[in-house]
Amino acid sequence: MKTLNVIGWTSAGIGAIIILLGVISGLMGNSILPSINHVVNYFHIANSFLLLAVALFIVVNRCECKK
């Protein structure tokens, strides 16, 4: 379960970094990553990472309660 917890925190960190990149990109007016054209796409990508993190934290918490 410790590995799932680490993966969850990593996913949450990646999501937070992508949100920061989206905010910076929106303030600067140009794209930081060349493959992402619009600011909204940063938040769509970050949403996936954050949902994965929440799901992993729920799984880890539920499995620890059974012990």
PDB file of N, CA and C in Angstrom:
ATOM      1  N   MET A   1       0.814  -1.196   0.000  1.00  0.00           N
ATOM      2  CA  MET A   1       0.000   0.000   0.000  1.00  0.00           C
ATOM      3  C   MET A   1       0.863   1.270   0.000  1.00  0.00           C
ATOM      4  N   LYS A   2       2.108   1.130   0.466  1.00  0.00           N
ATOM      5  CA  LYS A   2       2.975   2.301   0.503  1.00  0.00           C
ATOM      6  C   LYS A   2       3.289   2.788  -0.911  1.00  0.00           C
ATOM      7  N   THR A   3       3.435   1.860  -1.850  1.00  0.00           N
ATOM      8  CA  THR A   3       3.729   2.271  -3.216  1.00  0.00           C
ATOM      9  C   THR A   3       2.547   3.017  -3.835  1.00  0.00           C
ATOM     10  N   LEU A   4       1.319   2.571  -3.523  1.00  0.00           N
ATOM     11  CA  LEU A   4       0.147   3.291  -4.030  1.00  0.00           C
ATOM     12  C   LEU A   4       0.059   4.689  -3.442  1.00  0.00           C
ATOM     13  N   ASN A   5       0.457   4.831  -2.188  1.00  0.00           N
ATOM     14  CA  ASN A   5       0.463   6.139  -1.544  1.00  0.00           C
ATOM     15  C   ASN A   5       1.482   7.059  -2.218  1.00  0.00           C
ATOM     16  N   VAL A   6       2.658   6.524  -2.523  1.00  0.00           N
ATOM     17  CA  VAL A   6       3.690   7.313  -3.204  1.00  0.00           C
ATOM     18  C   VAL A   6       3.229   7.696  -4.611  1.00  0.00           C
ATOM     19  N   ILE A   7       2.596   6.773  -5.308  1.00  0.00           N
ATOM     20  CA  ILE A   7       2.086   7.076  -6.645  1.00  0.00           C
ATOM     21  C   ILE A   7       0.997   8.143  -6.566  1.00  0.00           C
ATOM     22  N   GLY A   8       0.157   8.081  -5.543  1.00  0.00           N
ATOM     23  CA  GLY A   8      -0.888   9.086  -5.356  1.00  0.00           C
ATOM     24  C   GLY A   8      -0.302  10.471  -5.126  1.00  0.00           C
ATOM     25  N   TRP A   9       0.704  10.559  -4.239  1.00  0.00           N
ATOM     26  CA  TRP A   9       1.336  11.859  -3.986  1.00  0.00           C
ATOM     27  C   TRP A   9       2.065  12.383  -5.222  1.00  0.00           C
ATOM     28  N   THR A  10       2.684  11.488  -5.986  1.00  0.00           N
ATOM     29  CA  THR A  10       3.356  11.900  -7.216  1.00  0.00           C
ATOM     30  C   THR A  10       2.348  12.432  -8.222  1.00  0.00           C
ATOM     31  N   SER A  11       1.241  11.745  -8.355  1.00  0.00           N
ATOM     32  CA  SER A  11       0.196  12.190  -9.271  1.00  0.00           C
ATOM     33  C   SER A  11      -0.372  13.549  -8.855  1.00  0.00           C
ATOM     34  N   ALA A  12      -0.573  13.742  -7.558  1.00  0.00           N
ATOM     35  CA  ALA A  12      -1.061  15.033  -7.069  1.00  0.00           C
ATOM     36  C   ALA A  12      -0.041  16.140  -7.332  1.00  0.00           C
ATOM     37  N   GLY A  13       1.230  15.831  -7.157  1.00  0.00           N
ATOM     38  CA  GLY A  13       2.284  16.814  -7.433  1.00  0.00           C
ATOM     39  C   GLY A  13       2.359  17.195  -8.893  1.00  0.00           C
ATOM     40  N   ILE A  14       2.244  16.207  -9.764  1.00  0.00           N
ATOM     41  CA  ILE A  14       2.245  16.491 -11.202  1.00  0.00           C
ATOM     42  C   ILE A  14       1.042  17.346 -11.574  1.00  0.00           C
ATOM     43  N   GLY A  15      -0.115  17.038 -11.006  1.00  0.00           N
ATOM     44  CA  GLY A  15      -1.312  17.834 -11.260  1.00  0.00           C
ATOM     45  C   GLY A  15      -1.141  19.276 -10.818  1.00  0.00           C
ATOM     46  N   ALA A  16      -0.534  19.477  -9.638  1.00  0.00           N
ATOM     47  CA  ALA A  16      -0.302  20.838  -9.138  1.00  0.00           C
ATOM     48  C   ALA A  16       0.683  21.596 -10.031  1.00  0.00           C
ATOM     49  N   ILE A  17       1.721  20.916 -10.491  1.00  0.00           N
ATOM     50  CA  ILE A  17       2.696  21.562 -11.388  1.00  0.00           C
ATOM     51  C   ILE A  17       2.042  21.960 -12.700  1.00  0.00           C
ATOM     52  N   ILE A  18       1.183  21.107 -13.227  1.00  0.00           N
ATOM     53  CA  ILE A  18       0.511  21.430 -14.493  1.00  0.00           C
ATOM     54  C   ILE A  18      -0.447  22.603 -14.307  1.00  0.00           C
ATOM     55  N   ILE A  19      -1.125  22.681 -13.155  1.00  0.00           N
ATOM     56  CA  ILE A  19      -1.986  23.829 -12.885  1.00  0.00           C
ATOM     57  C   ILE A  19      -1.148  25.104 -12.835  1.00  0.00           C
ATOM     58  N   LEU A  20       0.006  25.039 -12.177  1.00  0.00           N
ATOM     59  CA  LEU A  20       0.900  26.199 -12.131  1.00  0.00           C
ATOM     60  C   LEU A  20       1.351  26.609 -13.536  1.00  0.00           C
ATOM     61  N   LEU A  21       1.690  25.633 -14.374  1.00  0.00           N
ATOM     62  CA  LEU A  21       2.082  25.941 -15.753  1.00  0.00           C
ATOM     63  C   LEU A  21       0.933  26.599 -16.515  1.00  0.00           C
ATOM     64  N   GLY A  22      -0.298  26.140 -16.258  1.00  0.00           N
ATOM     65  CA  GLY A  22      -1.461  26.748 -16.907  1.00  0.00           C
ATOM     66  C   GLY A  22      -1.673  28.187 -16.487  1.00  0.00           C
ATOM     67  N   VAL A  23      -1.494  28.452 -15.188  1.00  0.00           N
ATOM     68  CA  VAL A  23      -1.652  29.826 -14.696  1.00  0.00           C
ATOM     69  C   VAL A  23      -0.566  30.727 -15.278  1.00  0.00           C
ATOM     70  N   ILE A  24       0.675  30.261 -15.270  1.00  0.00           N
ATOM     71  CA  ILE A  24       1.772  31.050 -15.834  1.00  0.00           C
ATOM     72  C   ILE A  24       1.565  31.278 -17.326  1.00  0.00           C
ATOM     73  N   SER A  25       1.132  30.245 -18.025  1.00  0.00           N
ATOM     74  CA  SER A  25       0.874  30.376 -19.457  1.00  0.00           C
ATOM     75  C   SER A  25      -0.240  31.379 -19.731  1.00  0.00           C
ATOM     76  N   GLY A  26      -1.273  31.374 -18.885  1.00  0.00           N
ATOM     77  CA  GLY A  26      -2.369  32.325 -19.060  1.00  0.00           C
ATOM     78  C   GLY A  26      -1.936  33.750 -18.801  1.00  0.00           C
ATOM     79  N   LEU A  27      -1.081  33.945 -17.806  1.00  0.00           N
ATOM     80  CA  LEU A  27      -0.603  35.295 -17.501  1.00  0.00           C
ATOM     81  C   LEU A  27       0.360  35.822 -18.564  1.00  0.00           C
ATOM     82  N   MET A  28       1.187  34.924 -19.101  1.00  0.00           N
ATOM     83  CA  MET A  28       2.156  35.346 -20.115  1.00  0.00           C
ATOM     84  C   MET A  28       1.517  35.522 -21.482  1.00  0.00           C
ATOM     85  N   GLY A  29       0.468  34.792 -21.747  1.00  0.00           N
ATOM     86  CA  GLY A  29      -0.218  34.907 -23.021  1.00  0.00           C
ATOM     87  C   GLY A  29       0.316  33.989 -24.107  1.00  0.00           C
ATOM     88  N   ASN A  30       1.335  33.196 -23.815  1.00  0.00           N
ATOM     89  CA  ASN A  30       1.819  32.232 -24.797  1.00  0.00           C
ATOM     90  C   ASN A  30       1.987  30.870 -24.132  1.00  0.00           C
ATOM     91  N   SER A  31       2.122  29.845 -24.928  1.00  0.00           N
ATOM     92  CA  SER A  31       2.173  28.486 -24.417  1.00  0.00           C
ATOM     93  C   SER A  31       3.580  28.139 -23.935  1.00  0.00           C
ATOM     94  N   ILE A  32       3.664  27.521 -22.763  1.00  0.00           N
ATOM     95  CA  ILE A  32       4.952  27.080 -22.227  1.00  0.00           C
ATOM     96  C   ILE A  32       5.351  25.757 -22.868  1.00  0.00           C
ATOM     97  N   LEU A  33       4.411  24.835 -22.918  1.00  0.00           N
ATOM     98  CA  LEU A  33       4.652  23.555 -23.578  1.00  0.00           C
ATOM     99  C   LEU A  33       4.121  23.633 -25.005  1.00  0.00           C
ATOM    100  N   PRO A  34       4.942  23.343 -25.993  1.00  0.00           N
ATOM    101  CA  PRO A  34       4.504  23.534 -27.386  1.00  0.00           C
ATOM    102  C   PRO A  34       3.363  22.619 -27.828  1.00  0.00           C
ATOM    103  N   SER A  35       3.176  21.483 -27.161  1.00  0.00           N
ATOM    104  CA  SER A  35       2.120  20.564 -27.583  1.00  0.00           C
ATOM    105  C   SER A  35       0.743  20.957 -27.038  1.00  0.00           C
ATOM    106  N   ILE A  36       0.689  21.922 -26.090  1.00  0.00           N
ATOM    107  CA  ILE A  36      -0.577  22.373 -25.513  1.00  0.00           C
ATOM    108  C   ILE A  36      -0.858  23.776 -26.027  1.00  0.00           C
ATOM    109  N   ASN A  37      -1.938  23.921 -26.793  1.00  0.00           N
ATOM    110  CA  ASN A  37      -2.208  25.187 -27.471  1.00  0.00           C
ATOM    111  C   ASN A  37      -3.025  26.174 -26.652  1.00  0.00           C
ATOM    112  N   HIS A  38      -3.950  25.700 -25.828  1.00  0.00           N
ATOM    113  CA  HIS A  38      -4.844  26.580 -25.090  1.00  0.00           C
ATOM    114  C   HIS A  38      -4.652  26.379 -23.586  1.00  0.00           C
ATOM    115  N   VAL A  39      -4.900  27.428 -22.819  1.00  0.00           N
ATOM    116  CA  VAL A  39      -4.709  27.386 -21.370  1.00  0.00           C
ATOM    117  C   VAL A  39      -5.650  26.372 -20.734  1.00  0.00           C
ATOM    118  N   VAL A  40      -6.839  26.226 -21.247  1.00  0.00           N
ATOM    119  CA  VAL A  40      -7.822  25.308 -20.664  1.00  0.00           C
ATOM    120  C   VAL A  40      -7.322  23.868 -20.714  1.00  0.00           C
ATOM    121  N   ASN A  41      -6.531  23.535 -21.708  1.00  0.00           N
ATOM    122  CA  ASN A  41      -6.031  22.167 -21.829  1.00  0.00           C
ATOM    123  C   ASN A  41      -5.116  21.783 -20.675  1.00  0.00           C
ATOM    124  N   TYR A  42      -4.404  22.752 -20.086  1.00  0.00           N
ATOM    125  CA  TYR A  42      -3.588  22.457 -18.908  1.00  0.00           C
ATOM    126  C   TYR A  42      -4.472  21.938 -17.775  1.00  0.00           C
ATOM    127  N   PHE A  43      -5.625  22.556 -17.601  1.00  0.00           N
ATOM    128  CA  PHE A  43      -6.504  22.176 -16.499  1.00  0.00           C
ATOM    129  C   PHE A  43      -7.205  20.848 -16.770  1.00  0.00           C
ATOM    130  N   HIS A  44      -7.433  20.512 -18.030  1.00  0.00           N
ATOM    131  CA  HIS A  44      -7.988  19.201 -18.359  1.00  0.00           C
ATOM    132  C   HIS A  44      -6.979  18.106 -18.025  1.00  0.00           C
ATOM    133  N   ILE A  45      -5.726  18.338 -18.336  1.00  0.00           N
ATOM    134  CA  ILE A  45      -4.687  17.356 -18.035  1.00  0.00           C
ATOM    135  C   ILE A  45      -4.507  17.233 -16.529  1.00  0.00           C
ATOM    136  N   ALA A  46      -4.462  18.352 -15.825  1.00  0.00           N
ATOM    137  CA  ALA A  46      -4.278  18.333 -14.374  1.00  0.00           C
ATOM    138  C   ALA A  46      -5.445  17.634 -13.688  1.00  0.00           C
ATOM    139  N   ASN A  47      -6.644  17.793 -14.217  1.00  0.00           N
ATOM    140  CA  ASN A  47      -7.819  17.141 -13.652  1.00  0.00           C
ATOM    141  C   ASN A  47      -7.648  15.626 -13.640  1.00  0.00           C
ATOM    142  N   SER A  48      -7.091  15.063 -14.691  1.00  0.00           N
ATOM    143  CA  SER A  48      -6.884  13.617 -14.749  1.00  0.00           C
ATOM    144  C   SER A  48      -5.912  13.156 -13.666  1.00  0.00           C
ATOM    145  N   PHE A  49      -4.821  13.882 -13.491  1.00  0.00           N
ATOM    146  CA  PHE A  49      -3.850  13.508 -12.469  1.00  0.00           C
ATOM    147  C   PHE A  49      -4.431  13.642 -11.066  1.00  0.00           C
ATOM    148  N   LEU A  50      -5.201  14.701 -10.824  1.00  0.00           N
ATOM    149  CA  LEU A  50      -5.773  14.897  -9.495  1.00  0.00           C
ATOM    150  C   LEU A  50      -6.849  13.854  -9.177  1.00  0.00           C
ATOM    151  N   LEU A  51      -7.647  13.473 -10.177  1.00  0.00           N
ATOM    152  CA  LEU A  51      -8.638  12.417  -9.951  1.00  0.00           C
ATOM    153  C   LEU A  51      -7.977  11.078  -9.676  1.00  0.00           C
ATOM    154  N   LEU A  52      -6.873  10.799 -10.358  1.00  0.00           N
ATOM    155  CA  LEU A  52      -6.121   9.576 -10.092  1.00  0.00           C
ATOM    156  C   LEU A  52      -5.576   9.587  -8.668  1.00  0.00           C
ATOM    157  N   ALA A  53      -5.079  10.725  -8.218  1.00  0.00           N
ATOM    158  CA  ALA A  53      -4.551  10.836  -6.859  1.00  0.00           C
ATOM    159  C   ALA A  53      -5.652  10.604  -5.827  1.00  0.00           C
ATOM    160  N   VAL A  54      -6.812  11.199  -6.028  1.00  0.00           N
ATOM    161  CA  VAL A  54      -7.922  11.022  -5.088  1.00  0.00           C
ATOM    162  C   VAL A  54      -8.343   9.555  -5.040  1.00  0.00           C
ATOM    163  N   ALA A  55      -8.447   8.921  -6.193  1.00  0.00           N
ATOM    164  CA  ALA A  55      -8.840   7.511  -6.229  1.00  0.00           C
ATOM    165  C   ALA A  55      -7.824   6.634  -5.500  1.00  0.00           C
ATOM    166  N   LEU A  56      -6.541   6.906  -5.689  1.00  0.00           N
ATOM    167  CA  LEU A  56      -5.519   6.108  -5.015  1.00  0.00           C
ATOM    168  C   LEU A  56      -5.544   6.329  -3.506  1.00  0.00           C
ATOM    169  N   PHE A  57      -5.767   7.562  -3.064  1.00  0.00           N
ATOM    170  CA  PHE A  57      -5.842   7.821  -1.627  1.00  0.00           C
ATOM    171  C   PHE A  57      -7.053   7.131  -1.006  1.00  0.00           C
ATOM    172  N   ILE A  58      -8.157   7.071  -1.721  1.00  0.00           N
ATOM    173  CA  ILE A  58      -9.338   6.365  -1.208  1.00  0.00           C
ATOM    174  C   ILE A  58      -9.058   4.873  -1.092  1.00  0.00           C
ATOM    175  N   VAL A  59      -8.414   4.296  -2.097  1.00  0.00           N
ATOM    176  CA  VAL A  59      -8.093   2.868  -2.063  1.00  0.00           C
ATOM    177  C   VAL A  59      -7.153   2.561  -0.900  1.00  0.00           C
ATOM    178  N   VAL A  60      -6.118   3.366  -0.735  1.00  0.00           N
ATOM    179  CA  VAL A  60      -5.159   3.137   0.348  1.00  0.00           C
ATOM    180  C   VAL A  60      -5.849   3.274   1.703  1.00  0.00           C
ATOM    181  N   ASN A  61      -6.691   4.275   1.851  1.00  0.00           N
ATOM    182  CA  ASN A  61      -7.382   4.485   3.123  1.00  0.00           C
ATOM    183  C   ASN A  61      -8.341   3.332   3.425  1.00  0.00           C
ATOM    184  N   ARG A  62      -9.066   2.847   2.434  1.00  0.00           N
ATOM    185  CA  ARG A  62     -10.021   1.765   2.660  1.00  0.00           C
ATOM    186  C   ARG A  62      -9.299   0.468   3.014  1.00  0.00           C
ATOM    187  N   CYS A  63      -8.162   0.205   2.384  1.00  0.00           N
ATOM    188  CA  CYS A  63      -7.434  -1.023   2.671  1.00  0.00           C
ATOM    189  C   CYS A  63      -6.792  -0.999   4.050  1.00  0.00           C
ATOM    190  N   GLU A  64      -6.361   0.179   4.512  1.00  0.00           N
ATOM    191  CA  GLU A  64      -5.761   0.280   5.840  1.00  0.00           C
ATOM    192  C   GLU A  64      -6.814   0.148   6.948  1.00  0.00           C
ATOM    193  N   CYS A  65      -8.055   0.517   6.648  1.00  0.00           N
ATOM    194  CA  CYS A  65      -9.121   0.424   7.666  1.00  0.00           C
ATOM    195  C   CYS A  65      -9.510  -1.026   7.918  1.00  0.00           C
ATOM    196  N   LYS A  66      -9.354  -1.896   6.947  1.00  0.00           N
ATOM    197  CA  LYS A  66      -9.723  -3.293   7.088  1.00  0.00           C
ATOM    198  C   LYS A  66      -8.756  -4.057   7.981  1.00  0.00           C
ATOM    199  N   LYS A  67      -7.543  -3.549   8.154  1.00  0.00           N
ATOM    200  CA  LYS A  67      -6.529  -4.270   8.940  1.00  0.00           C
ATOM    201  C   LYS A  67      -6.772  -4.150  10.405  1.00  0.00           C
TER     202      LYS A  67
END
